[in-house]
Amino acid sequence: MFDVAVIGAGAAGMMAAALAGQRGLHVVLIDHAAKLAEKIRISGGGRCNFTNIGTTPANFISQNPNFCRSALAAYTPRDFIDLVERHGIAWHEKHRGQLFCDESSEQIIEMLRCECDRGRVTWRMPHTVDSVALEQGSYVLHSGQGKITARQLVLATGGMAIPQLGATDFSLKVARQFGLKVVEPRPALVPLTFDAQAWQPFAALSGVAMEVVVRSGGASAQAPSAAGKGKAKQTEFLEDLLFTHRGLSGPAILQISSYWEPGTPLSIDLAPQQDLEPELLAAKVGSRQQLGTVLSGLWPRRLAEQWLANVEPGGQNLAAQRLADVPDKVLRQLAQQIHRWSLTPNGTAGYKKAEVMRGGVDTRNLDQKTMQVKAVPGLYIVGEAVDVTGWLGGYNFQWAWASGAACGRALTAA
């Protein structure tokens, strides 16, 4: 008999278990994997983008955007940085508030393991839970390795992203078992794909990267401009885009994928720092350069040549035309197409390529200060399994730490 059983030894689960154990509770931490915290291990290119110093509730997607506010305020990026520094882990800021380990993500895993050991947490790994039942006020977990009983249960198994590392929908199944509503889950922070035939002209650009502004015309959620400008409800990101054989990837696409709705177009500004129409018209005067050469000064040459050969503003192939010979009307059309490239994905690359899952347990089921299920005493749900999805850049880890801390501090002794 334990005070608390935590299922899922990932970021949120270890945080909740460690804090509960350090408060004197008898905690068991259970995970079906043989190797601890593989998602932490591979994150940030192996250096773990463990938080973002600019974290605010606006960096998260949820049907209830205010739900995450309390937990994020109670456990901030500074709180986690203090923990990292207490363990002697060197870190650096890489880009737009994103913090990484100087050395390895293994340091974060070992830190969390040590924090759990400080709290005398009992480990059960690998240990697969087959069923969960609430019997006479206690949670009974059944498995082929025996029975575990606890007065309180924390579901921290995450979402379905990266199934090759063992991701499952376990927390969502248990939530439904207890009558909780689940917001439809789907891949997020994921590359977008296009019809193979329609994409064929651009498949040859695989590997080309550039900074763009990407907007989603069909977003159901809201986000402020990533550049910190414009209307607060604009779904827009200024980030790098990467062409692939099947479609588009890179930070810009991963960010907008969390907002993209199937069947709706994306609008991409391929020259976000320039106003091409007056620039092209001014450059035309006395120019002997080919239009392709002019655009190659703006873009990678491969993109300039492929764009002019396939987009054909005004019904013309402009690849070999001199800039001086191109009519003003066609240059205006070209500039508009570059600043407002509209295209509609046919889907995503799926959970295998997604960094996180969007959706999850409806936050209306949960107490925002403790992460406890309102209608089921003693049941808590934390981390990615909850309908709170962060932007790319350390925000999802911060939600894991914050939701895990809220839960760990709220769990009670016998």
Protein backbone atom coordinates (compact mmCIF):
# COMPACT_ATOMS: atom_id res chain seq x y z
CA MET A 1 0.00 0.00 0.00
CA PHE A 2 1.37 3.37 -1.11
CA ASP A 3 0.19 6.92 -0.51
CA VAL A 4 0.69 7.67 -4.22
CA ALA A 5 1.18 5.68 -7.41
CA VAL A 6 2.54 7.66 -10.36
CA ILE A 7 2.19 5.96 -13.75
CA GLY A 8 4.71 7.42 -16.20
CA ALA A 9 8.33 8.20 -15.35
CA GLY A 10 8.74 11.09 -17.76
CA ALA A 11 9.23 14.77 -17.05
CA ALA A 12 5.91 15.46 -15.30
CA GLY A 13 5.75 12.09 -13.56
CA MET A 14 9.22 12.30 -12.03
CA MET A 15 8.61 15.88 -10.92
CA ALA A 16 5.34 14.94 -9.18
CA ALA A 17 6.84 11.82 -7.58
CA ALA A 18 9.96 13.63 -6.36
CA LEU A 19 8.09 16.50 -4.69
CA ALA A 20 5.52 14.17 -3.11
CA GLY A 21 8.25 11.87 -1.81
CA GLN A 22 10.27 14.75 -0.42
CA ARG A 23 7.19 15.81 1.53
CA GLY A 24 7.17 12.45 3.30
CA LEU A 25 4.67 10.54 1.18
CA HIS A 26 5.22 6.88 0.31
CA VAL A 27 5.39 7.00 -3.52
CA VAL A 28 5.77 4.35 -6.21
CA LEU A 29 6.79 5.45 -9.72
CA ILE A 30 5.81 3.02 -12.48
CA ASP A 31 6.84 2.92 -16.14
CA HIS A 32 6.59 0.27 -18.84
CA ALA A 33 9.88 1.24 -20.49
CA ALA A 34 13.16 -0.47 -19.78
CA LYS A 35 15.11 2.77 -20.25
CA LEU A 36 14.23 5.87 -18.26
CA ALA A 37 12.89 9.06 -19.91
CA GLU A 38 13.74 8.45 -23.56
CA LYS A 39 11.82 11.55 -24.67
CA ILE A 40 13.98 13.71 -22.43
CA ARG A 41 17.07 11.91 -23.71
CA ILE A 42 16.46 12.75 -27.40
CA SER A 43 15.11 16.27 -26.85
CA GLY A 44 16.99 19.30 -28.06
CA GLY A 45 19.32 17.26 -30.20
CA GLY A 46 20.47 15.38 -27.09
CA ARG A 47 20.96 18.53 -25.00
CA CYS A 48 17.38 18.94 -23.73
CA ASN A 49 15.67 22.27 -24.36
CA PHE A 50 14.47 22.11 -20.75
CA THR A 51 12.54 25.40 -20.51
CA ASN A 52 11.96 28.80 -22.06
CA ILE A 53 12.57 31.90 -19.95
CA GLY A 54 9.82 33.75 -21.83
CA THR A 55 7.07 31.28 -20.88
CA THR A 56 3.59 32.78 -20.54
CA PRO A 57 0.09 31.25 -20.81
CA ALA A 58 -0.07 32.74 -24.33
CA ASN A 59 2.51 30.15 -25.46
CA PHE A 60 0.03 27.30 -24.98
CA ILE A 61 -2.94 25.93 -26.91
CA SER A 62 -6.01 24.68 -25.03
CA GLN A 63 -9.77 24.85 -25.22
CA ASN A 64 -9.40 26.69 -21.91
CA PRO A 65 -6.42 29.03 -22.45
CA ASN A 66 -6.46 30.24 -18.84
CA PHE A 67 -6.20 26.79 -17.27
CA CYS A 68 -2.40 26.66 -17.31
CA ARG A 69 -2.00 30.08 -15.70
CA SER A 70 -2.02 28.96 -12.04
CA ALA A 71 0.50 26.10 -12.39
CA LEU A 72 2.87 28.18 -14.54
CA ALA A 73 2.80 31.01 -12.01
CA ALA A 74 3.45 28.66 -9.09
CA TYR A 75 6.44 26.94 -10.75
CA THR A 76 8.33 29.23 -13.12
CA PRO A 77 11.31 28.73 -15.45
CA ARG A 78 13.45 30.36 -12.74
CA ASP A 79 12.37 27.65 -10.29
CA PHE A 80 13.55 24.94 -12.66
CA ILE A 81 16.78 26.79 -13.46
CA ASP A 82 17.47 26.94 -9.70
CA LEU A 83 17.04 23.16 -9.53
CA VAL A 84 19.35 22.66 -12.52
CA GLU A 85 22.00 24.89 -10.96
CA ARG A 86 21.77 23.14 -7.58
CA HIS A 87 22.77 19.98 -9.42
CA GLY A 88 25.72 21.73 -11.06
CA ILE A 89 24.36 21.46 -14.59
CA ALA A 90 25.76 24.11 -16.94
CA TRP A 91 23.29 25.61 -19.42
CA HIS A 92 23.02 28.24 -22.12
CA GLU A 93 20.37 30.24 -23.94
CA LYS A 94 20.34 29.33 -27.60
CA HIS A 95 17.49 31.15 -29.33
CA ARG A 96 14.50 33.22 -28.20
CA GLY A 97 14.63 32.21 -24.57
CA GLN A 98 15.30 28.51 -25.20
CA LEU A 99 17.58 26.99 -22.56
CA PHE A 100 19.75 23.91 -23.20
CA CYS A 101 22.25 21.85 -21.24
CA ASP A 102 25.83 22.62 -22.21
CA GLU A 103 26.59 18.92 -22.19
CA SER A 104 23.82 16.30 -22.32
CA SER A 105 20.14 15.68 -21.67
CA GLU A 106 21.33 12.74 -19.55
CA GLN A 107 22.10 15.33 -16.88
CA ILE A 108 18.43 16.32 -16.61
CA ILE A 109 17.39 12.66 -16.38
CA GLU A 110 19.95 11.97 -13.67
CA MET A 111 18.89 15.12 -11.80
CA LEU A 112 15.25 13.98 -11.75
CA ARG A 113 16.29 10.47 -10.72
CA CYS A 114 18.29 11.92 -7.83
CA GLU A 115 15.35 14.10 -6.77
CA CYS A 116 13.13 11.01 -6.71
CA ASP A 117 15.74 9.12 -4.70
CA ARG A 118 15.84 12.04 -2.23
CA GLY A 119 12.14 11.46 -1.73
CA ARG A 120 12.69 7.69 -1.27
CA VAL A 121 10.47 6.98 -4.26
CA THR A 122 10.03 3.28 -5.04
CA TRP A 123 10.76 2.43 -8.68
CA ARG A 124 8.89 -0.13 -10.74
CA MET A 125 10.57 -0.32 -14.19
CA PRO A 126 9.85 -1.96 -16.53
CA HIS A 127 6.37 -2.60 -15.20
CA THR A 128 3.26 -2.59 -17.37
CA VAL A 129 -0.08 -1.74 -15.76
CA ASP A 130 -2.86 -3.75 -17.38
CA SER A 131 -5.83 -2.26 -15.56
CA VAL A 132 -6.81 0.36 -13.01
CA ALA A 133 -9.73 0.11 -10.59
CA LEU A 134 -11.03 2.21 -7.71
CA GLU A 135 -11.90 -0.14 -4.85
CA GLN A 136 -13.03 1.03 -1.41
CA GLY A 137 -11.36 4.42 -1.78
CA SER A 138 -8.02 3.11 -3.08
CA TYR A 139 -6.62 2.66 -6.57
CA VAL A 140 -5.71 -0.91 -7.46
CA LEU A 141 -3.28 -1.40 -10.33
CA HIS A 142 -3.15 -4.89 -11.83
CA SER A 143 -0.31 -6.27 -13.92
CA GLY A 144 1.40 -9.53 -14.73
CA GLN A 145 3.95 -8.60 -12.07
CA GLY A 146 1.43 -8.33 -9.27
CA LYS A 147 -0.90 -5.79 -7.69
CA ILE A 148 -0.12 -2.26 -6.46
CA THR A 149 -2.53 -0.35 -4.23
CA ALA A 150 -2.43 3.40 -3.56
CA ARG A 151 -4.75 5.97 -2.06
CA GLN A 152 -3.95 8.44 -4.84
CA LEU A 153 -3.13 7.92 -8.50
CA VAL A 154 -1.24 10.24 -10.87
CA LEU A 155 -1.55 9.67 -14.62
CA ALA A 156 1.63 10.99 -16.26
CA THR A 157 2.12 8.77 -19.30
CA GLY A 158 2.09 11.66 -21.78
CA GLY A 159 0.58 11.55 -25.25
CA MET A 160 0.91 9.47 -28.39
CA ALA A 161 3.78 11.33 -30.07
CA ILE A 162 6.84 9.23 -30.97
CA PRO A 163 5.28 5.76 -30.49
CA GLN A 164 8.62 4.20 -31.43
CA LEU A 165 9.80 5.29 -27.95
CA GLY A 166 6.83 3.61 -26.28
CA ALA A 167 4.26 6.44 -26.32
CA THR A 168 0.68 5.27 -25.80
CA ASP A 169 -2.79 6.63 -25.04
CA PHE A 170 -2.84 4.94 -21.61
CA SER A 171 -3.75 8.10 -19.64
CA LEU A 172 -6.57 8.92 -22.06
CA LYS A 173 -8.01 5.39 -21.76
CA VAL A 174 -8.00 5.56 -17.98
CA ALA A 175 -9.50 9.06 -18.07
CA ARG A 176 -12.35 7.81 -20.26
CA GLN A 177 -12.80 4.84 -17.93
CA PHE A 178 -13.55 7.31 -15.14
CA GLY A 179 -16.00 9.24 -17.32
CA LEU A 180 -13.79 12.20 -18.21
CA LYS A 181 -14.15 14.08 -21.46
CA VAL A 182 -11.15 13.99 -23.80
CA VAL A 183 -10.43 16.70 -26.38
CA GLU A 184 -9.72 14.90 -29.65
CA PRO A 185 -5.98 14.18 -29.75
CA ARG A 186 -3.86 14.72 -32.84
CA PRO A 187 -0.19 15.18 -33.78
CA ALA A 188 1.30 18.63 -33.06
CA LEU A 189 4.66 20.26 -33.68
CA VAL A 190 4.80 18.05 -36.75
CA PRO A 191 5.84 18.38 -40.43
CA LEU A 192 3.05 18.98 -42.95
CA THR A 193 2.64 16.93 -46.11
CA PHE A 194 1.16 17.64 -49.55
CA ASP A 195 -0.31 15.72 -52.46
CA ALA A 196 2.62 13.95 -54.13
CA GLN A 197 1.79 15.10 -57.64
CA ALA A 198 1.18 18.71 -56.65
CA TRP A 199 4.38 18.76 -54.57
CA GLN A 200 6.56 17.17 -57.25
CA PRO A 201 8.01 20.48 -58.55
CA PHE A 202 9.20 21.36 -55.03
CA ALA A 203 10.43 17.90 -53.94
CA ALA A 204 13.76 18.67 -55.59
CA LEU A 205 14.24 21.49 -53.07
CA SER A 206 14.57 19.02 -50.17
CA GLY A 207 17.09 20.45 -47.72
CA VAL A 208 16.59 24.11 -48.64
CA ALA A 209 15.94 26.24 -45.55
CA MET A 210 15.00 29.90 -45.14
CA GLU A 211 13.33 32.30 -42.72
CA VAL A 212 9.65 32.94 -43.42
CA VAL A 213 6.48 34.19 -41.80
CA VAL A 214 3.81 31.50 -41.82
CA ARG A 215 0.14 32.03 -41.05
CA SER A 216 -2.71 29.58 -40.75
CA GLY A 217 -5.99 30.59 -42.28
CA GLY A 218 -7.99 27.95 -40.42
CA ALA A 219 -6.75 28.05 -36.85
CA SER A 220 -9.24 27.17 -34.15
CA ALA A 221 -6.88 28.27 -31.41
CA GLN A 222 -5.28 31.64 -30.92
CA ALA A 223 -1.72 32.81 -30.46
CA PRO A 224 0.07 36.14 -30.43
CA SER A 225 2.62 36.91 -33.08
CA ALA A 226 5.88 35.07 -32.45
CA ALA A 227 7.69 38.24 -33.43
CA GLY A 228 5.90 40.05 -30.63
CA LYS A 229 4.11 42.38 -33.01
CA GLY A 230 0.67 42.69 -34.48
CA LYS A 231 -2.67 41.73 -33.06
CA ALA A 232 -2.68 39.51 -30.02
CA LYS A 233 -4.96 36.94 -31.67
CA GLN A 234 -2.89 36.50 -34.81
CA THR A 235 -1.71 32.97 -35.56
CA GLU A 236 1.63 33.82 -37.08
CA PHE A 237 5.23 32.72 -36.65
CA LEU A 238 8.53 34.15 -37.89
CA GLU A 239 10.80 31.10 -38.03
CA ASP A 240 12.87 28.96 -40.38
CA LEU A 241 11.16 26.76 -42.96
CA LEU A 242 12.64 23.57 -44.41
CA PHE A 243 11.64 21.95 -47.72
CA THR A 244 11.41 18.14 -47.63
CA HIS A 245 10.63 15.43 -50.19
CA ARG A 246 7.03 15.16 -48.94
CA GLY A 247 6.29 18.73 -47.90
CA LEU A 248 7.42 21.33 -45.38
CA SER A 249 9.11 21.15 -41.99
CA GLY A 250 11.39 23.31 -39.85
CA PRO A 251 10.42 25.42 -36.81
CA ALA A 252 7.95 27.60 -38.76
CA ILE A 253 5.92 24.62 -39.91
CA LEU A 254 6.15 22.75 -36.61
CA GLN A 255 4.79 25.84 -34.85
CA ILE A 256 1.90 26.44 -37.22
CA SER A 257 1.02 22.72 -37.39
CA SER A 258 -0.43 22.94 -33.89
CA TYR A 259 -2.95 25.49 -35.17
CA TRP A 260 -3.54 24.15 -38.68
CA GLU A 261 -6.96 22.62 -39.37
CA PRO A 262 -7.33 19.96 -42.12
CA GLY A 263 -8.53 21.37 -45.44
CA THR A 264 -7.45 24.94 -44.72
CA PRO A 265 -4.61 26.77 -46.48
CA LEU A 266 -1.37 28.15 -45.13
CA SER A 267 -0.10 31.55 -46.17
CA ILE A 268 3.68 31.87 -46.28
CA ASP A 269 5.69 35.05 -46.76
CA LEU A 270 8.91 33.88 -48.39
CA ALA A 271 10.55 37.31 -48.09
CA PRO A 272 9.37 38.57 -44.69
CA GLN A 273 11.98 41.30 -44.24
CA GLN A 274 11.42 42.95 -47.63
CA ASP A 275 8.80 44.69 -49.75
CA LEU A 276 9.49 43.04 -53.09
CA GLU A 277 7.17 44.93 -55.40
CA PRO A 278 8.89 48.35 -55.20
CA GLU A 279 12.31 46.67 -54.99
CA LEU A 280 11.80 44.67 -58.20
CA LEU A 281 10.33 47.63 -60.05
CA ALA A 282 13.23 49.87 -58.99
CA ALA A 283 15.84 47.23 -59.86
CA LYS A 284 14.32 46.80 -63.32
CA VAL A 285 15.52 50.21 -64.52
CA GLY A 286 18.67 49.73 -66.59
CA SER A 287 19.16 46.14 -65.41
CA ARG A 288 20.74 43.54 -67.67
CA GLN A 289 20.47 40.72 -65.12
CA GLN A 290 18.16 37.77 -65.55
CA LEU A 291 15.28 37.65 -63.11
CA GLY A 292 16.58 34.35 -61.74
CA THR A 293 19.89 35.99 -60.86
CA VAL A 294 18.11 38.82 -59.06
CA LEU A 295 16.02 36.40 -56.99
CA SER A 296 19.12 34.34 -56.21
CA GLY A 297 20.37 37.35 -54.27
CA LEU A 298 17.30 36.98 -52.07
CA TRP A 299 16.94 33.20 -51.87
CA PRO A 300 19.03 30.06 -52.29
CA ARG A 301 19.64 29.71 -56.06
CA ARG A 302 17.84 26.33 -56.21
CA LEU A 303 14.66 27.90 -54.86
CA ALA A 304 14.85 30.93 -57.17
CA GLU A 305 15.23 28.76 -60.26
CA GLN A 306 12.55 26.27 -59.23
CA TRP A 307 10.11 28.99 -58.24
CA LEU A 308 10.38 30.86 -61.51
CA ALA A 309 10.14 27.65 -63.53
CA ASN A 310 6.98 26.46 -61.78
CA VAL A 311 4.98 29.37 -60.42
CA GLU A 312 4.83 31.22 -63.76
CA PRO A 313 3.09 34.49 -62.84
CA GLY A 314 1.18 35.87 -65.78
CA GLY A 315 1.32 32.44 -67.46
CA GLN A 316 4.99 32.90 -68.34
CA ASN A 317 8.11 30.91 -67.53
CA LEU A 318 10.37 33.65 -66.22
CA ALA A 319 13.44 31.59 -65.38
CA ALA A 320 15.64 32.92 -68.20
CA GLN A 321 14.03 36.33 -68.80
CA ARG A 322 15.93 39.54 -68.20
CA LEU A 323 14.46 41.62 -65.40
CA ALA A 324 14.23 44.64 -67.75
CA ASP A 325 12.01 42.65 -70.14
CA VAL A 326 9.48 41.50 -67.55
CA PRO A 327 6.28 43.64 -67.58
CA ASP A 328 5.56 45.62 -64.39
CA LYS A 329 2.25 43.78 -63.98
CA VAL A 330 4.02 40.42 -63.94
CA LEU A 331 6.58 41.65 -61.40
CA ARG A 332 3.73 42.80 -59.15
CA GLN A 333 2.10 39.37 -59.44
CA LEU A 334 5.42 37.69 -58.68
CA ALA A 335 5.95 39.83 -55.58
CA GLN A 336 2.44 39.07 -54.35
CA GLN A 337 2.93 35.32 -54.84
CA ILE A 338 6.21 35.38 -52.94
CA HIS A 339 4.76 37.34 -50.02
CA ARG A 340 1.49 35.36 -49.97
CA TRP A 341 2.29 31.82 -51.10
CA SER A 342 -0.96 29.99 -50.43
CA LEU A 343 -0.96 26.20 -50.24
CA THR A 344 -3.10 23.56 -48.56
CA PRO A 345 -1.49 20.54 -46.85
CA ASN A 346 -3.16 17.16 -47.25
CA GLY A 347 -2.11 16.05 -43.77
CA THR A 348 0.70 15.73 -41.27
CA ALA A 349 3.65 13.36 -40.98
CA GLY A 350 1.81 11.73 -38.05
CA TYR A 351 2.70 10.80 -34.50
CA LYS A 352 5.98 9.17 -35.58
CA LYS A 353 7.34 12.58 -36.55
CA ALA A 354 5.38 14.73 -34.10
CA GLU A 355 7.10 16.19 -31.06
CA VAL A 356 3.93 16.32 -28.95
CA MET A 357 0.23 15.53 -28.93
CA ARG A 358 -2.38 18.27 -29.10
CA GLY A 359 -5.62 17.71 -27.17
CA GLY A 360 -5.99 15.35 -24.24
CA VAL A 361 -8.01 15.29 -21.03
CA ASP A 362 -10.41 18.24 -21.01
CA THR A 363 -9.18 20.78 -18.47
CA ARG A 364 -12.74 21.37 -17.27
CA ASN A 365 -12.38 18.03 -15.50
CA LEU A 366 -9.40 19.25 -13.47
CA ASP A 367 -8.59 21.64 -10.64
CA GLN A 368 -6.10 24.12 -12.11
CA LYS A 369 -4.17 24.54 -8.86
CA THR A 370 -3.68 20.84 -8.05
CA MET A 371 -4.35 18.91 -11.30
CA GLN A 372 -6.80 16.71 -9.38
CA VAL A 373 -9.88 15.38 -11.16
CA LYS A 374 -12.83 17.25 -9.66
CA ALA A 375 -15.28 14.36 -9.80
CA VAL A 376 -12.85 11.57 -8.82
CA PRO A 377 -11.06 12.20 -5.50
CA GLY A 378 -7.44 11.12 -5.43
CA LEU A 379 -7.02 10.98 -9.23
CA TYR A 380 -4.56 13.46 -10.79
CA ILE A 381 -3.52 14.00 -14.41
CA VAL A 382 -0.39 15.93 -15.44
CA GLY A 383 1.79 16.81 -18.40
CA GLU A 384 1.11 16.11 -22.05
CA ALA A 385 -1.98 13.98 -21.33
CA VAL A 386 -3.81 17.20 -20.41
CA ASP A 387 -5.27 19.50 -23.08
CA VAL A 388 -2.42 22.01 -22.76
CA THR A 389 0.05 22.06 -25.67
CA GLY A 390 3.04 24.38 -25.80
CA TRP A 391 4.86 26.02 -28.66
CA LEU A 392 8.17 24.67 -29.90
CA GLY A 393 11.09 25.87 -27.78
CA GLY A 394 11.01 24.43 -24.25
CA TYR A 395 7.43 25.36 -23.40
CA ASN A 396 6.16 21.78 -23.17
CA PHE A 397 8.88 20.87 -20.71
CA GLN A 398 7.96 23.89 -18.60
CA TRP A 399 4.34 22.70 -18.57
CA ALA A 400 5.54 19.25 -17.47
CA TRP A 401 7.56 20.73 -14.60
CA ALA A 402 4.77 23.13 -13.58
CA SER A 403 1.88 20.64 -13.73
CA GLY A 404 3.99 17.98 -12.03
CA ALA A 405 4.94 20.41 -9.27
CA ALA A 406 1.33 21.51 -8.75
CA CYS A 407 0.33 17.88 -8.34
CA GLY A 408 3.32 16.88 -6.21
CA ARG A 409 2.66 19.68 -3.76
CA ALA A 410 -1.07 18.84 -3.53
CA LEU A 411 -0.82 15.11 -2.86
CA THR A 412 -1.56 14.21 0.75
CA ALA A 413 -0.17 11.76 3.26
CA ALA A 414 -2.23 8.99 4.85
